[in-house]
Amino acid sequence: MRATVLIRPKPGILDPQGEAVGSALGHLGFEVSGTRVGKVIDLELDAPDAAAAKAEVEQMCERLLANPLIESYEVEIVG
């Protein structure tokens, strides 16, 4: 199974990278009202089905891949 995890800073959490990107876009002439920077993690794992794969990846997120206090995450499983 393949899994993609999208991790973003939660609303209201300081995002210095997002601010830097937003500022740079403004200097280049692009008008944006807000920018948030996250990360994408692609995983390949052995799991009997999509539900088991999603549960395993969510555990990975809670324990290592994301900081649940300041980040939210979405998991997409592709069989």
Protein backbone atom coordinates (compact mmCIF):
# COMPACT_ATOMS: atom_id res chain seq x y z
CA MET A 1 0.00 0.00 0.00
CA ARG A 2 1.05 3.58 -0.62
CA ALA A 3 0.16 6.41 1.72
CA THR A 4 0.52 10.15 1.39
CA VAL A 5 0.46 12.32 4.50
CA LEU A 6 -0.14 16.06 4.22
CA ILE A 7 0.94 17.96 7.35
CA ARG A 8 0.06 21.62 7.95
CA PRO A 9 0.46 24.04 10.84
CA LYS A 10 -2.84 24.41 12.72
CA PRO A 11 -4.67 27.73 12.34
CA GLY A 12 -3.35 30.35 14.74
CA ILE A 13 0.07 28.69 15.04
CA LEU A 14 3.05 30.83 14.05
CA ASP A 15 4.38 29.75 10.64
CA PRO A 16 7.68 31.54 9.93
CA GLN A 17 8.26 29.59 6.71
CA GLY A 18 4.81 30.53 5.45
CA GLU A 19 5.46 34.16 6.29
CA ALA A 20 8.79 34.07 4.42
CA VAL A 21 7.17 32.52 1.35
CA GLY A 22 4.32 35.04 1.45
CA SER A 23 6.78 37.92 1.74
CA ALA A 24 8.91 36.62 -1.13
CA LEU A 25 5.83 36.21 -3.33
CA GLY A 26 4.86 39.80 -2.56
CA HIS A 27 8.32 41.03 -3.56
CA LEU A 28 7.94 39.14 -6.83
CA GLY A 29 4.66 40.94 -7.54
CA PHE A 30 2.23 38.19 -6.55
CA GLU A 31 -0.63 39.28 -4.30
CA VAL A 32 -1.46 36.66 -1.67
CA SER A 33 -3.42 37.25 1.51
CA GLY A 34 -1.92 34.37 3.45
CA THR A 35 0.57 31.55 3.07
CA ARG A 36 1.01 28.38 5.13
CA VAL A 37 3.87 25.95 4.52
CA GLY A 38 3.50 22.27 5.31
CA LYS A 39 5.10 19.02 4.28
CA VAL A 40 4.19 15.92 2.30
CA ILE A 41 5.38 12.48 3.30
CA ASP A 42 4.99 9.51 0.93
CA LEU A 43 5.14 6.04 2.49
CA GLU A 44 5.09 2.50 1.19
CA LEU A 45 3.93 -0.08 3.70
CA ASP A 46 2.70 -3.64 3.99
CA ALA A 47 -0.87 -3.77 5.24
CA PRO A 48 -3.71 -6.22 4.62
CA ASP A 49 -6.16 -3.50 3.51
CA ALA A 50 -6.67 0.25 3.24
CA ALA A 51 -8.30 0.57 6.67
CA ALA A 52 -5.35 -1.13 8.40
CA ALA A 53 -2.90 0.99 6.41
CA LYS A 54 -4.68 4.21 7.38
CA ALA A 55 -4.77 3.22 11.06
CA GLU A 56 -1.04 2.44 10.99
CA VAL A 57 -0.14 5.72 9.28
CA GLU A 58 -2.30 7.69 11.73
CA GLN A 59 -0.34 6.08 14.57
CA MET A 60 2.89 7.11 12.83
CA CYS A 61 1.59 10.67 12.60
CA GLU A 62 0.60 10.82 16.25
CA ARG A 63 3.90 9.38 17.45
CA LEU A 64 6.49 10.85 15.05
CA LEU A 65 5.51 12.43 11.73
CA ALA A 66 3.39 15.30 13.03
CA ASN A 67 3.23 17.28 16.23
CA PRO A 68 -0.50 17.01 17.07
CA LEU A 69 -0.32 20.07 19.33
CA ILE A 70 0.60 22.45 16.50
CA GLU A 71 0.03 20.49 13.27
CA SER A 72 -2.91 18.83 11.57
CA TYR A 73 -2.55 15.98 9.11
CA GLU A 74 -4.49 14.23 6.38
CA VAL A 75 -3.83 10.65 5.28
CA GLU A 76 -4.58 9.35 1.79
CA ILE A 77 -4.21 5.63 1.08
CA VAL A 78 -3.68 4.34 -2.45
CA GLY A 79 -3.90 0.58 -2.86
